Amino acid sequence: MSLRITEECTFCAACEAECPVNAISAGTDIYVIDESVCTECEGYADSPACVAVCPAECIVKA
């Protein structure tokens, strides 16, 4: 279970602060999700918090 951020990322950083397990970090041009850490917010929220705040709608299932 994991999510990933596509090339449509606008590098706005909205998602990073929402991650309860700190799986999101700044890459070179886009934010990236560490798939080995991502829990899709299971145990923290009903749905992935990063997806809810992403204005570019670029966070998808890995």
Protein backbone atom coordinates (compact mmCIF):
# COMPACT_ATOMS: atom_id res chain seq x y z
CA MET A 1 0.00 0.00 0.00
CA SER A 2 1.51 3.27 -1.07
CA LEU A 3 1.04 6.44 -3.03
CA ARG A 4 3.28 8.31 -5.44
CA ILE A 5 3.46 11.84 -6.79
CA THR A 6 3.36 12.31 -10.55
CA GLU A 7 5.23 14.81 -12.73
CA GLU A 8 2.23 17.16 -12.55
CA CYS A 9 3.42 18.20 -9.06
CA THR A 10 3.72 21.99 -8.78
CA PHE A 11 6.19 21.77 -5.85
CA CYS A 12 3.78 23.68 -3.59
CA ALA A 13 4.59 21.65 -0.42
CA ALA A 14 0.95 21.35 0.69
CA CYS A 15 1.27 17.57 1.02
CA GLU A 16 4.45 17.39 3.07
CA ALA A 17 3.03 18.75 6.32
CA GLU A 18 -0.07 16.55 6.06
CA CYS A 19 1.81 13.24 6.16
CA PRO A 20 1.55 11.68 9.63
CA VAL A 21 4.49 9.31 9.01
CA ASN A 22 6.83 11.82 7.29
CA ALA A 23 6.92 9.82 4.05
CA ILE A 24 6.86 12.94 1.83
CA SER A 25 9.92 15.04 1.07
CA ALA A 26 11.14 17.53 -1.51
CA GLY A 27 12.81 16.00 -4.53
CA THR A 28 14.64 17.93 -7.21
CA ASP A 29 11.61 19.21 -9.13
CA ILE A 30 8.67 17.49 -7.43
CA TYR A 31 7.81 16.13 -4.01
CA VAL A 32 8.35 12.41 -3.54
CA ILE A 33 6.77 9.76 -1.33
CA ASP A 34 8.91 7.08 0.27
CA GLU A 35 6.81 4.07 -0.68
CA SER A 36 8.37 1.93 2.05
CA VAL A 37 7.08 4.38 4.69
CA CYS A 38 3.71 5.48 3.24
CA THR A 39 0.68 3.95 4.98
CA GLU A 40 -1.95 5.87 2.96
CA CYS A 41 -2.85 7.31 6.39
CA GLU A 42 -4.24 3.98 7.60
CA GLY A 43 -4.73 4.32 11.33
CA TYR A 44 -4.51 8.12 11.10
CA ALA A 45 -7.35 9.22 8.80
CA ASP A 46 -10.19 7.79 6.73
CA SER A 47 -8.37 8.62 3.50
CA PRO A 48 -4.89 9.84 2.50
CA ALA A 49 -4.44 13.37 3.86
CA CYS A 50 -1.99 14.39 1.14
CA VAL A 51 -4.49 13.57 -1.61
CA ALA A 52 -7.10 15.78 0.06
CA VAL A 53 -4.86 18.87 0.08
CA CYS A 54 -3.07 18.49 -3.27
CA PRO A 55 -4.17 21.32 -5.59
CA ALA A 56 -2.62 19.62 -8.63
CA GLU A 57 -4.37 16.30 -7.96
CA CYS A 58 -1.11 14.52 -8.73
CA ILE A 59 -0.96 11.95 -5.91
CA VAL A 60 -1.97 8.49 -7.11
CA LYS A 61 -1.74 4.85 -6.05
CA ALA A 62 1.73 3.45 -6.64
